[in-house]
Amino acid sequence: MDKKSGCLSLETLEEDKMHERRREFEILAMAMEHASDSMIVTDRNNNIIKVNNSFLKTFGYSEQDVIGKNTNFLSSAKHDPAFYNQMWNTLLKEKHWSSEIWNRRKNGAIFPAWVSISAIMDENNKIQNYLAIFTDLSALRESQEKTLKLAYYDQLTGLPNRQKIVSDMEKRNPVVCVIFNIDDFKEINDFYGIETGDNILNQVGQWFCKMNFFPYRISGDEFAVLLYEHFTWSDLRNRIAALMSLLEEKVFFIKNETINIRMTVGAAIGHGKLLTRADIALNRAKKNKLSVALYAEHENIEETYRSNMKMRTAIRSALGKHRIICHYQPIINLITGNIDKYETLVRMIDNDGTIVPPSKFLTIAKKTKLYPQITLEVLNQSCSLFSKRCEEFSINLSDSDIRDPFIVKEIIHTITQTGTASRIVFEILESEGIENYEEVVEFITSVKALGAKIAIDDFGTGYSNFENILKLNVDYIKIDGSLIQGITENSRHHIVVETIVDFAHKIGAKTIAEFVSSEEIYTAVKDLGVDFAQGYFTGKPEAIVSSF
């Protein structure tokens, strides 16, 4: 190769490089033009030399506004000088930097963006330009804020919700939690309508805010307040009392009417489980009809709750493993002395084989969905046993059993299929059943049409009402054990039992004395004309494994 041809080759090579570089810039320019993200190119001093259409649209500038200017005017006051120093130091060292950053639009609005800045090197490996790509995060942040609001704020009142109070308690460590429950709010909803009820909830939330409290709406008609200053019980009670006094004076508006609102309050002081403990206090206030209750550790309520949870688990296990069993207590005919009937009494066998009496588990079962399963288990076991025997037998039904269409359907099906309809007696507590009179009558009518009988249990104390007995057309009146146990020592008990027996005989019902625990009591009830006796003196509840 001669010198001349060598020169041509070098020139050609340089031209090829320049052509390639121009082509790269053309491709870059084309990519910038059609990119959906905002892009700018600056010189090494960070003066803008090129922007794309997305940049102009996002930031609100024209090309004339920005070309030749330093990018400082895009910065917001949200970042301090240390932020930008770190950015440039990284760029100079690593030739690339990316992060979320707050920028300023032409109209002054501040918005979040993800920015990625890369250094463009020349042939000597020195920084010649910078390419910055901005992704507008405004829509994403707005969506995240909406999601956050849905998760942490009540959609009706706009107040923070239960999830928010739990989060705030973890982060901010309050020392007091107070829960306010609107009294009789269901009646407001039922009488005025849900829309009016919602309006009242909004008014209550606004009232708390005006009282300089910062309420959370933690459930339908419950609001909670967190306090961060230390209180004695006395000071907290006084502050709650003052707030409730102001509430009594407050008038809430419903269309053209006004109403006053009262609240029941539960409060807790301390640093752990405040929301749970305030809720425990609120439940105690409702149960004992108090206006305010404060959580007291010495009452050991949480231990009771744990014990109840443990029992709930044991009941579920016993149902699943067929450890709910029936014992049967004989009922003696006081004329013949024979065992004419049995009362079915449920028992639970614990994991260790211990027999658990109903007083230990039925109350807890009634608060869960486990109770109907126990009723059906007792029904099936007793009907299966007495389908092969000739005595009458009784089972206890609660108000919830009678109101449950599925339970009623299963009762009718079972007593029909086992042929026990004419010998089964359903015992109903008057204090429970009479509250739902129409449903009770419908049930009684249905089962008596099949031949079953009805007994009223624990009659003679509390709100016992002779008129109810007439309405329900019962077959047996079981005289409450508290009357029977005192019949030989208390003349008033004797008179009440005598009256019940006389009344029962006149309406054609039979009487059964419960808790007959001694020969003396047995003789006394027999002399009074009671028809049947039941108690430890006449026979304890036991399992029956054989049949006649």
Protein backbone atom coordinates (compact mmCIF):
# COMPACT_ATOMS: atom_id res chain seq x y z
CA MET A 1 0.00 0.00 0.00
CA ASP A 2 1.49 3.41 -0.99
CA LYS A 3 1.32 6.60 1.06
CA LYS A 4 -1.46 8.02 -1.08
CA SER A 5 -3.68 5.00 -0.73
CA GLY A 6 -2.88 4.91 3.01
CA CYS A 7 -4.14 8.48 3.44
CA LEU A 8 -7.30 7.64 1.58
CA SER A 9 -7.84 4.71 3.86
CA LEU A 10 -7.47 6.86 6.98
CA GLU A 11 -9.80 9.49 5.60
CA THR A 12 -12.29 6.83 4.69
CA LEU A 13 -12.04 5.36 8.17
CA GLU A 14 -12.64 8.75 9.79
CA GLU A 15 -15.60 9.38 7.52
CA ASP A 16 -17.03 5.99 8.40
CA LYS A 17 -16.68 6.78 12.10
CA MET A 18 -18.33 10.15 11.68
CA HIS A 19 -21.08 8.58 9.63
CA GLU A 20 -21.58 5.91 12.28
CA ARG A 21 -21.68 8.57 15.02
CA ARG A 22 -24.19 10.66 13.09
CA ARG A 23 -26.26 7.54 12.57
CA GLU A 24 -26.18 6.85 16.32
CA PHE A 25 -27.34 10.38 17.04
CA GLU A 26 -30.08 10.06 14.41
CA ILE A 27 -31.27 6.84 16.03
CA LEU A 28 -31.10 8.50 19.46
CA ALA A 29 -33.01 11.51 18.16
CA MET A 30 -35.66 9.25 16.62
CA ALA A 31 -35.95 7.25 19.84
CA MET A 32 -36.30 10.45 21.84
CA GLU A 33 -38.94 11.81 19.52
CA HIS A 34 -41.18 8.77 19.82
CA ALA A 35 -40.48 7.85 23.45
CA SER A 36 -43.38 8.03 25.91
CA ASP A 37 -41.01 9.07 28.72
CA SER A 38 -39.60 12.56 28.99
CA MET A 39 -36.02 12.77 27.68
CA ILE A 40 -33.43 15.53 27.64
CA VAL A 41 -29.82 15.76 26.46
CA THR A 42 -27.45 18.22 28.14
CA ASP A 43 -23.86 19.18 27.62
CA ARG A 44 -21.20 18.37 30.19
CA ASN A 45 -22.17 21.53 32.11
CA ASN A 46 -25.77 20.33 32.36
CA ASN A 47 -27.16 22.87 29.90
CA ILE A 48 -30.05 21.51 27.84
CA ILE A 49 -29.33 20.97 24.15
CA LYS A 50 -32.26 18.73 23.21
CA VAL A 51 -35.66 17.66 24.60
CA ASN A 52 -38.38 15.41 23.23
CA ASN A 53 -42.10 16.03 22.84
CA SER A 54 -42.97 14.00 25.94
CA PHE A 55 -40.76 16.28 28.01
CA LEU A 56 -42.47 19.38 26.67
CA LYS A 57 -45.89 17.87 27.33
CA THR A 58 -45.04 16.62 30.83
CA PHE A 59 -43.24 19.72 32.06
CA GLY A 60 -45.40 22.23 30.17
CA TYR A 61 -42.53 24.12 28.48
CA SER A 62 -41.79 24.95 24.84
CA GLU A 63 -38.38 24.27 23.28
CA GLN A 64 -37.59 28.00 23.35
CA ASP A 65 -38.19 27.97 27.12
CA VAL A 66 -35.59 25.31 27.87
CA ILE A 67 -32.89 25.00 25.18
CA GLY A 68 -29.60 26.39 26.48
CA LYS A 69 -30.81 26.57 30.09
CA ASN A 70 -29.27 24.70 33.00
CA THR A 71 -31.53 21.98 34.39
CA ASN A 72 -31.55 23.59 37.84
CA PHE A 73 -34.89 25.27 37.06
CA LEU A 74 -36.54 21.81 36.93
CA SER A 75 -35.58 21.03 40.53
CA SER A 76 -37.99 21.35 43.45
CA ALA A 77 -37.37 22.47 46.99
CA LYS A 78 -38.20 18.98 48.25
CA HIS A 79 -34.57 17.91 47.97
CA ASP A 80 -31.69 19.49 49.88
CA PRO A 81 -28.22 20.23 48.41
CA ALA A 82 -26.86 16.97 49.86
CA PHE A 83 -29.24 15.02 47.60
CA TYR A 84 -27.91 16.68 44.44
CA ASN A 85 -24.28 16.42 45.59
CA GLN A 86 -24.72 12.69 46.01
CA MET A 87 -26.33 12.49 42.56
CA TRP A 88 -23.43 14.25 40.77
CA ASN A 89 -20.78 12.37 42.70
CA THR A 90 -22.35 9.07 41.63
CA LEU A 91 -22.63 10.24 38.01
CA LEU A 92 -18.99 11.26 37.84
CA LYS A 93 -17.86 8.04 39.43
CA GLU A 94 -20.19 5.44 37.94
CA LYS A 95 -21.44 7.32 34.84
CA HIS A 96 -25.04 6.45 35.79
CA TRP A 97 -27.53 7.43 38.47
CA SER A 98 -31.24 6.70 39.01
CA SER A 99 -33.73 7.47 41.73
CA GLU A 100 -37.16 8.87 42.47
CA ILE A 101 -37.06 12.65 42.36
CA TRP A 102 -39.46 15.53 42.69
CA ASN A 103 -39.54 17.94 39.71
CA ARG A 104 -41.24 21.22 38.99
CA ARG A 105 -43.57 21.86 36.04
CA LYS A 106 -43.80 25.25 34.32
CA ASN A 107 -46.98 26.04 36.29
CA GLY A 108 -45.09 25.46 39.55
CA ALA A 109 -46.68 22.11 40.32
CA ILE A 110 -44.38 19.59 42.02
CA PHE A 111 -44.63 15.97 40.86
CA PRO A 112 -42.75 12.72 41.45
CA ALA A 113 -40.76 11.05 38.67
CA TRP A 114 -38.31 8.22 38.29
CA VAL A 115 -35.22 9.67 36.64
CA SER A 116 -32.35 7.77 35.05
CA ILE A 117 -29.29 9.83 34.04
CA SER A 118 -26.46 8.38 31.95
CA ALA A 119 -23.19 10.01 30.95
CA ILE A 120 -22.34 9.98 27.21
CA MET A 121 -18.59 9.66 26.65
CA ASP A 122 -16.49 11.06 23.80
CA GLU A 123 -13.70 9.21 21.95
CA ASN A 124 -11.31 10.12 24.75
CA ASN A 125 -13.61 8.54 27.34
CA LYS A 126 -14.50 11.91 28.81
CA ILE A 127 -18.06 13.01 29.61
CA GLN A 128 -19.45 14.92 26.66
CA ASN A 129 -23.18 14.87 27.33
CA TYR A 130 -25.82 13.60 29.74
CA LEU A 131 -29.01 11.77 28.79
CA ALA A 132 -31.83 12.00 31.35
CA ILE A 133 -35.02 9.94 31.11
CA PHE A 134 -37.99 10.92 33.32
CA THR A 135 -40.98 8.64 34.05
CA ASP A 136 -43.89 10.63 35.49
CA LEU A 137 -45.07 8.84 38.64
CA SER A 138 -48.04 11.14 39.33
CA ALA A 139 -50.70 8.68 38.16
CA LEU A 140 -49.02 5.82 40.05
CA ARG A 141 -48.79 7.84 43.25
CA GLU A 142 -52.41 8.93 42.89
CA SER A 143 -53.45 5.31 42.43
CA GLN A 144 -51.39 4.29 45.45
CA GLU A 145 -52.95 7.05 47.53
CA LYS A 146 -56.44 5.93 46.49
CA THR A 147 -55.57 2.35 47.39
CA LEU A 148 -54.13 3.54 50.69
CA LYS A 149 -57.26 5.55 51.38
CA LEU A 150 -59.47 2.55 50.63
CA ALA A 151 -57.38 0.45 52.97
CA TYR A 152 -56.97 2.92 55.82
CA TYR A 153 -59.92 5.32 55.63
CA ASP A 154 -63.63 4.83 56.09
CA GLN A 155 -65.44 5.50 52.82
CA LEU A 156 -68.54 6.95 54.50
CA THR A 157 -67.06 9.44 56.97
CA GLY A 158 -63.57 9.86 55.55
CA LEU A 159 -62.19 9.09 59.00
CA PRO A 160 -59.30 6.67 59.52
CA ASN A 161 -60.55 3.12 60.06
CA ARG A 162 -59.68 0.09 62.18
CA GLN A 163 -56.67 -0.85 60.02
CA LYS A 164 -55.36 2.68 60.42
CA ILE A 165 -55.73 2.74 64.19
CA VAL A 166 -53.84 -0.55 64.46
CA SER A 167 -51.07 0.87 62.26
CA ASP A 168 -50.92 4.13 64.22
CA MET A 169 -50.79 2.29 67.53
CA GLU A 170 -47.78 0.31 66.34
CA LYS A 171 -45.96 3.40 65.10
CA ARG A 172 -46.92 6.09 67.61
CA ASN A 173 -47.24 4.19 70.91
CA PRO A 174 -50.34 5.83 72.49
CA VAL A 175 -51.05 5.37 76.19
CA VAL A 176 -54.86 5.59 76.15
CA CYS A 177 -57.53 4.13 73.88
CA VAL A 178 -61.20 5.04 74.26
CA ILE A 179 -64.01 3.42 72.27
CA PHE A 180 -67.38 5.16 71.94
CA ASN A 181 -70.42 3.11 70.93
CA ILE A 182 -73.63 4.90 69.87
CA ASP A 183 -76.53 3.62 71.96
CA ASP A 184 -79.53 2.19 70.09
CA PHE A 185 -78.07 3.02 66.69
CA LYS A 186 -79.90 0.07 65.14
CA GLU A 187 -83.19 1.69 66.14
CA ILE A 188 -82.14 4.90 64.36
CA ASN A 189 -81.36 2.89 61.22
CA ASP A 190 -84.59 0.90 61.42
CA PHE A 191 -86.84 3.89 62.17
CA TYR A 192 -85.34 6.58 59.96
CA GLY A 193 -83.57 4.46 57.33
CA ILE A 194 -79.95 3.60 56.55
CA GLU A 195 -79.34 6.84 54.67
CA THR A 196 -80.29 8.84 57.75
CA GLY A 197 -78.15 6.57 59.91
CA ASP A 198 -75.19 7.26 57.63
CA ASN A 199 -75.85 10.98 57.98
CA ILE A 200 -75.80 10.67 61.77
CA LEU A 201 -72.47 8.83 61.63
CA ASN A 202 -71.01 11.68 59.59
CA GLN A 203 -72.32 14.24 62.08
CA VAL A 204 -70.89 12.29 65.01
CA GLY A 205 -67.49 12.07 63.31
CA GLN A 206 -67.50 15.82 62.66
CA TRP A 207 -68.53 16.49 66.26
CA PHE A 208 -65.53 14.55 67.58
CA CYS A 209 -63.26 16.59 65.32
CA LYS A 210 -64.77 19.85 66.58
CA MET A 211 -64.09 18.65 70.13
CA ASN A 212 -60.40 18.48 69.14
CA PHE A 213 -60.37 14.71 69.19
CA PHE A 214 -59.08 12.78 66.22
CA PRO A 215 -61.53 9.89 65.88
CA TYR A 216 -61.26 6.60 64.04
CA ARG A 217 -64.40 4.85 62.85
CA ILE A 218 -63.57 1.28 63.80
CA SER A 219 -66.92 -0.39 63.06
CA GLY A 220 -70.53 0.43 62.18
CA ASP A 221 -71.47 2.57 65.19
CA GLU A 222 -68.16 2.67 67.04
CA PHE A 223 -65.56 5.43 67.12
CA ALA A 224 -62.19 5.27 68.85
CA VAL A 225 -59.78 7.92 70.09
CA LEU A 226 -56.09 7.56 70.94
CA LEU A 227 -54.43 9.77 73.55
CA TYR A 228 -50.70 10.20 74.00
CA GLU A 229 -50.50 12.00 77.32
CA HIS A 230 -50.51 10.10 80.60
CA PHE A 231 -53.74 10.00 82.63
CA THR A 232 -54.76 8.61 85.98
CA TRP A 233 -57.96 6.58 85.94
CA SER A 234 -59.71 9.42 87.75
CA ASP A 235 -58.56 12.06 85.25
CA LEU A 236 -59.54 9.91 82.29
CA ARG A 237 -62.96 9.18 83.72
CA ASN A 238 -63.52 12.89 84.35
CA ARG A 239 -62.48 13.79 80.81
CA ILE A 240 -64.82 11.18 79.33
CA ALA A 241 -67.65 12.38 81.60
CA ALA A 242 -67.08 15.98 80.46
CA LEU A 243 -67.18 14.91 76.82
CA MET A 244 -70.38 12.91 77.34
CA SER A 245 -71.97 15.93 79.04
CA LEU A 246 -71.23 17.99 75.96
CA LEU A 247 -72.70 15.22 73.83
CA GLU A 248 -75.95 15.34 75.80
CA GLU A 249 -76.24 19.03 74.91
CA LYS A 250 -75.45 18.43 71.23
CA VAL A 251 -78.41 18.30 68.85
CA PHE A 252 -78.13 16.15 65.73
CA PHE A 253 -80.33 16.86 62.76
CA ILE A 254 -82.46 14.38 60.82
CA LYS A 255 -84.26 16.20 58.02
CA ASN A 256 -86.70 18.46 59.90
CA GLU A 257 -86.25 16.65 63.20
CA THR A 258 -83.60 16.74 65.89
CA ILE A 259 -82.36 13.93 68.12
CA ASN A 260 -79.97 13.52 71.00
CA ILE A 261 -77.42 10.75 71.10
CA ARG A 262 -75.99 8.84 74.01
CA MET A 263 -72.93 6.62 74.00
CA THR A 264 -71.49 3.73 75.96
CA VAL A 265 -67.74 4.01 76.52
CA GLY A 266 -64.90 1.58 77.12
CA ALA A 267 -61.35 2.76 77.87
CA ALA A 268 -57.91 1.33 78.54
CA ILE A 269 -54.65 2.81 79.81
CA GLY A 270 -51.22 1.32 79.21
CA HIS A 271 -48.88 0.31 76.40
CA GLY A 272 -50.06 -3.10 75.26
CA LYS A 273 -53.22 -4.39 73.52
CA LEU A 274 -54.96 -1.07 74.10
CA LEU A 275 -57.61 -1.55 71.41
CA THR A 276 -58.46 -5.07 72.60
CA ARG A 277 -58.61 -3.96 76.21
CA ALA A 278 -60.78 -0.94 75.45
CA ASP A 279 -63.11 -3.28 73.54
CA ILE A 280 -63.24 -5.62 76.56
CA ALA A 281 -64.12 -2.65 78.76
CA LEU A 282 -66.83 -1.58 76.30
CA ASN A 283 -68.38 -5.06 76.33
CA ARG A 284 -68.37 -5.00 80.12
CA ALA A 285 -70.08 -1.61 80.10
CA LYS A 286 -72.81 -2.92 77.80
CA LYS A 287 -73.26 -6.13 79.78
CA ASN A 288 -73.55 -4.30 83.11
CA LYS A 289 -75.50 -1.34 81.65
CA LEU A 290 -72.78 1.15 82.58
CA SER A 291 -72.16 4.40 80.72
CA VAL A 292 -68.36 4.08 81.10
CA ALA A 293 -66.12 1.14 81.93
CA LEU A 294 -62.36 1.14 82.33
CA TYR A 295 -60.25 -1.92 81.68
CA ALA A 296 -58.88 -3.36 84.89
CA GLU A 297 -56.13 -5.97 84.69
CA HIS A 298 -57.03 -7.49 88.05
CA GLU A 299 -60.33 -8.70 86.57
CA ASN A 300 -58.32 -11.15 84.47
CA ILE A 301 -60.74 -10.82 81.56
CA GLU A 302 -58.11 -11.68 78.96
CA GLU A 303 -57.42 -14.95 80.77
CA THR A 304 -61.15 -15.69 80.64
CA TYR A 305 -61.13 -14.96 76.91
CA ARG A 306 -58.19 -17.31 76.42
CA SER A 307 -59.96 -19.98 78.42
CA ASN A 308 -63.09 -19.52 76.30
CA MET A 309 -61.05 -19.83 73.12
CA LYS A 310 -59.48 -23.02 74.45
CA MET A 311 -62.92 -24.42 75.29
CA ARG A 312 -64.21 -23.46 71.83
CA THR A 313 -61.38 -25.48 70.29
CA ALA A 314 -62.14 -28.41 72.61
CA ILE A 315 -65.83 -28.37 71.64
CA ARG A 316 -64.98 -28.35 67.94
CA SER A 317 -62.60 -31.27 68.46
CA ALA A 318 -65.17 -33.19 70.51
CA LEU A 319 -67.79 -32.77 67.78
CA GLY A 320 -65.37 -33.94 65.13
CA LYS A 321 -64.29 -37.00 67.14
CA HIS A 322 -67.76 -38.02 68.43
CA ARG A 323 -66.97 -37.10 72.03
CA ILE A 324 -70.26 -35.26 72.57
CA ILE A 325 -72.36 -37.83 74.40
CA CYS A 326 -75.70 -38.06 76.18
CA HIS A 327 -76.52 -39.03 79.73
CA TYR A 328 -80.07 -39.70 80.77
CA GLN A 329 -81.67 -38.82 84.13
CA PRO A 330 -84.70 -40.86 85.18
CA ILE A 331 -88.00 -39.13 85.92
CA ILE A 332 -90.11 -41.03 88.47
CA ASN A 333 -93.90 -41.34 88.39
CA LEU A 334 -94.85 -40.32 91.94
CA ILE A 335 -97.99 -42.47 91.89
CA THR A 336 -96.49 -45.73 90.62
CA GLY A 337 -92.86 -45.21 91.58
CA ASN A 338 -91.81 -46.32 88.11
CA ILE A 339 -89.36 -44.65 85.75
CA ASP A 340 -91.71 -43.37 83.05
CA LYS A 341 -89.34 -40.88 81.40
CA TYR A 342 -85.77 -39.71 80.99
CA GLU A 343 -84.32 -36.27 80.42
CA THR A 344 -81.47 -36.19 77.92
CA LEU A 345 -78.49 -34.25 79.27
CA VAL A 346 -75.46 -33.52 77.11
CA ARG A 347 -71.89 -34.16 78.20
CA MET A 348 -68.50 -33.67 76.55
CA ILE A 349 -65.55 -36.05 76.92
CA ASP A 350 -62.26 -34.16 76.98
CA ASN A 351 -59.03 -35.39 75.37
CA ASP A 352 -57.92 -37.03 78.62
CA GLY A 353 -61.24 -38.84 79.05
CA THR A 354 -62.64 -36.39 81.61
CA ILE A 355 -66.41 -35.87 81.39
CA VAL A 356 -67.14 -32.15 81.07
CA PRO A 357 -70.59 -31.01 82.37
CA PRO A 358 -72.77 -28.73 80.20
CA SER A 359 -72.27 -25.77 82.53
CA LYS A 360 -68.63 -25.69 81.41
CA PHE A 361 -69.16 -25.66 77.65
CA LEU A 362 -72.75 -24.96 76.56
CA THR A 363 -72.64 -21.22 77.30
CA ILE A 364 -69.51 -20.87 75.17
CA ALA A 365 -71.00 -23.08 72.44
CA LYS A 366 -74.06 -20.81 72.30
CA LYS A 367 -71.82 -17.90 71.36
CA THR A 368 -70.47 -19.80 68.36
CA LYS A 369 -71.81 -21.72 65.40
CA LEU A 370 -71.09 -24.94 67.28
CA TYR A 371 -74.27 -24.95 69.36
CA PRO A 372 -76.64 -26.11 66.56
CA GLN A 373 -74.31 -29.04 65.92
CA ILE A 374 -74.59 -30.04 69.58
CA THR A 375 -78.38 -29.85 69.41
CA LEU A 376 -78.43 -32.16 66.38
CA GLU A 377 -75.99 -34.57 68.03
CA VAL A 378 -78.21 -34.80 71.13
CA LEU A 379 -81.31 -35.24 68.95
CA ASN A 380 -79.77 -38.03 66.88
CA GLN A 381 -78.29 -39.93 69.82
CA SER A 382 -81.41 -39.80 71.98
CA CYS A 383 -83.83 -40.63 69.15
CA SER A 384 -81.64 -43.53 68.06
CA LEU A 385 -81.55 -44.91 71.61
CA PHE A 386 -85.24 -44.50 72.40
CA SER A 387 -86.39 -45.85 69.07
CA LYS A 388 -85.63 -49.20 70.72
CA ARG A 389 -87.21 -48.35 74.11
CA CYS A 390 -90.72 -47.62 75.37
CA GLU A 391 -90.23 -44.64 77.75
CA GLU A 392 -90.78 -41.00 77.00
CA PHE A 393 -87.63 -38.92 76.73
CA SER A 394 -87.01 -35.19 76.64
CA ILE A 395 -84.42 -32.92 75.06
CA ASN A 396 -83.80 -29.24 75.75
CA LEU A 397 -84.25 -26.70 72.98
CA SER A 398 -83.03 -23.11 73.07
CA ASP A 399 -84.69 -20.11 71.50
CA SER A 400 -82.05 -20.17 68.74
CA ASP A 401 -82.91 -23.81 67.96
CA ILE A 402 -86.57 -22.99 67.50
CA ARG A 403 -85.77 -20.00 65.28
CA ASP A 404 -83.43 -22.02 63.05
CA PRO A 405 -85.40 -23.44 60.09
CA PHE A 406 -82.72 -26.06 59.41
CA ILE A 407 -82.78 -27.33 63.01
CA VAL A 408 -86.59 -27.50 62.99
CA LYS A 409 -86.53 -29.38 59.69
CA GLU A 410 -83.99 -31.87 61.06
CA ILE A 411 -86.02 -32.34 64.25
CA ILE A 412 -89.17 -33.21 62.30
CA HIS A 413 -87.24 -35.50 59.95
CA THR A 414 -85.45 -37.33 62.77
CA ILE A 415 -88.43 -37.97 65.06
CA THR A 416 -90.43 -39.18 62.07
CA GLN A 417 -87.73 -41.49 60.73
CA THR A 418 -86.94 -43.00 64.15
CA GLY A 419 -90.59 -43.43 65.13
CA THR A 420 -90.07 -41.43 68.35
CA ALA A 421 -92.45 -38.54 67.61
CA SER A 422 -95.10 -39.82 70.06
CA ARG A 423 -92.60 -40.25 72.93
CA ILE A 424 -90.34 -37.21 72.66
CA VAL A 425 -90.80 -34.16 74.87
CA PHE A 426 -89.26 -30.82 73.93
CA GLU A 427 -88.28 -28.73 76.95
CA ILE A 428 -88.34 -24.96 76.36
CA LEU A 429 -87.15 -22.28 78.74
CA GLU A 430 -89.99 -19.84 79.21
CA SER A 431 -87.55 -16.92 79.58
CA GLU A 432 -86.15 -17.66 76.10
CA GLY A 433 -89.07 -18.94 74.11
CA ILE A 434 -91.75 -16.43 74.96
CA GLU A 435 -89.72 -13.56 73.50
CA ASN A 436 -90.40 -15.03 70.06
CA TYR A 437 -93.97 -16.12 70.73
CA GLU A 438 -95.16 -16.59 67.13
CA GLU A 439 -92.17 -18.75 66.16
CA VAL A 440 -92.57 -20.84 69.32
CA VAL A 441 -96.27 -21.42 68.64
CA GLU A 442 -95.51 -22.41 65.05
CA PHE A 443 -92.91 -24.93 66.25
CA ILE A 444 -95.19 -26.33 68.96
CA THR A 445 -98.04 -26.73 66.50
CA SER A 446 -95.80 -28.58 64.03
CA VAL A 447 -94.33 -31.10 66.47
CA LYS A 448 -97.53 -31.68 68.45
CA ALA A 449 -99.28 -32.55 65.19
CA LEU A 450 -96.79 -35.45 64.98
CA GLY A 451 -97.52 -36.57 68.56
CA ALA A 452 -94.67 -34.84 70.42
CA LYS A 453 -95.16 -33.12 73.77
CA ILE A 454 -93.97 -29.78 75.16
CA ALA A 455 -92.58 -28.96 78.60
CA ILE A 456 -91.82 -25.54 80.04
CA ASP A 457 -88.56 -25.75 81.97
CA ASP A 458 -87.53 -23.94 85.18
CA PHE A 459 -91.03 -22.57 85.80
CA GLY A 460 -91.76 -20.66 88.99
CA THR A 461 -89.03 -18.03 89.23
CA GLY A 462 -88.17 -14.75 87.55
CA TYR A 463 -90.85 -13.64 85.09
CA SER A 464 -92.90 -16.84 85.05
CA ASN A 465 -96.28 -16.08 83.57
CA PHE A 466 -99.32 -18.35 83.86
CA GLU A 467 -100.88 -16.70 80.80
CA ASN A 468 -97.95 -17.86 78.68
CA ILE A 469 -98.59 -21.44 79.73
CA LEU A 470 -102.18 -21.15 78.54
CA LYS A 471 -101.09 -19.69 75.20
CA LEU A 472 -98.53 -22.39 74.52
CA ASN A 473 -100.74 -25.37 75.35
CA VAL A 474 -97.92 -27.21 77.16
CA ASP A 475 -98.09 -30.82 78.41
CA TYR A 476 -95.63 -30.55 81.29
CA ILE A 477 -94.59 -27.82 83.71
CA LYS A 478 -91.17 -28.45 85.22
CA ILE A 479 -91.05 -26.64 88.56
CA ASP A 480 -87.78 -24.78 89.07
CA GLY A 481 -85.25 -26.53 91.30
CA SER A 482 -84.68 -23.48 93.50
CA LEU A 483 -88.30 -23.73 94.67
CA ILE A 484 -88.13 -27.49 95.17
CA GLN A 485 -84.88 -27.41 97.16
CA GLY A 486 -86.38 -25.00 99.70
CA ILE A 487 -89.86 -26.50 99.87
CA THR A 488 -89.42 -28.17 103.26
CA GLU A 489 -87.90 -25.13 104.94
CA ASN A 490 -89.56 -22.15 103.28
CA SER A 491 -93.31 -21.76 103.52
CA ARG A 492 -93.36 -19.34 100.59
CA HIS A 493 -91.76 -21.97 98.35
CA HIS A 494 -94.38 -24.43 99.53
CA ILE A 495 -97.19 -22.02 98.63
CA VAL A 496 -95.75 -21.24 95.16
CA VAL A 497 -95.34 -24.93 94.32
CA GLU A 498 -98.84 -25.68 95.57
CA THR A 499 -100.22 -22.90 93.36
CA ILE A 500 -98.35 -24.17 90.29
CA VAL A 501 -99.59 -27.73 90.87
CA ASP A 502 -103.18 -26.58 91.28
CA PHE A 503 -102.98 -24.45 88.14
CA ALA A 504 -101.41 -27.28 86.11
CA HIS A 505 -104.08 -29.79 87.09
CA LYS A 506 -106.85 -27.38 86.18
CA ILE A 507 -105.47 -26.88 82.65
CA GLY A 508 -104.66 -30.56 82.14
CA ALA A 509 -100.88 -30.28 82.35
CA LYS A 510 -98.60 -32.56 84.36
CA THR A 511 -95.96 -31.28 86.80
CA ILE A 512 -92.37 -32.40 87.28
CA ALA A 513 -90.36 -31.43 90.34
CA GLU A 514 -86.67 -30.85 89.57
CA PHE A 515 -83.75 -31.16 92.01
CA VAL A 516 -85.41 -33.69 94.27
CA SER A 517 -82.33 -34.44 96.34
CA SER A 518 -83.69 -36.08 99.51
CA GLU A 519 -86.44 -38.35 100.78
CA GLU A 520 -87.92 -35.43 102.70
CA ILE A 521 -88.29 -33.35 99.52
CA TYR A 522 -89.57 -36.43 97.63
CA THR A 523 -92.34 -36.90 100.20
CA ALA A 524 -93.23 -33.19 100.25
CA VAL A 525 -93.73 -32.88 96.47
CA LYS A 526 -95.64 -36.16 96.38
CA ASP A 527 -97.97 -34.88 99.13
CA LEU A 528 -98.56 -31.69 97.14
CA GLY A 529 -99.78 -33.70 94.16
CA VAL A 530 -96.75 -33.22 91.88
CA ASP A 531 -96.91 -35.89 89.17
CA PHE A 532 -93.21 -36.67 88.59
CA ALA A 533 -89.91 -36.26 90.42
CA GLN A 534 -86.42 -35.78 89.03
CA GLY A 535 -83.22 -35.41 91.01
CA TYR A 536 -80.24 -37.14 92.59
CA PHE A 537 -82.50 -38.85 95.12
CA THR A 538 -84.45 -40.60 92.36
CA GLY A 539 -81.54 -41.15 89.99
CA LYS A 540 -78.41 -39.48 88.66
CA PRO A 541 -77.79 -38.80 84.95
CA GLU A 542 -76.00 -41.80 83.43
CA ALA A 543 -75.22 -43.29 80.06
CA ILE A 544 -77.68 -45.93 78.85
CA VAL A 545 -76.02 -48.65 76.83
CA SER A 546 -78.66 -51.34 76.80
CA SER A 547 -82.22 -51.49 75.46
CA PHE A 548 -85.32 -53.41 76.37
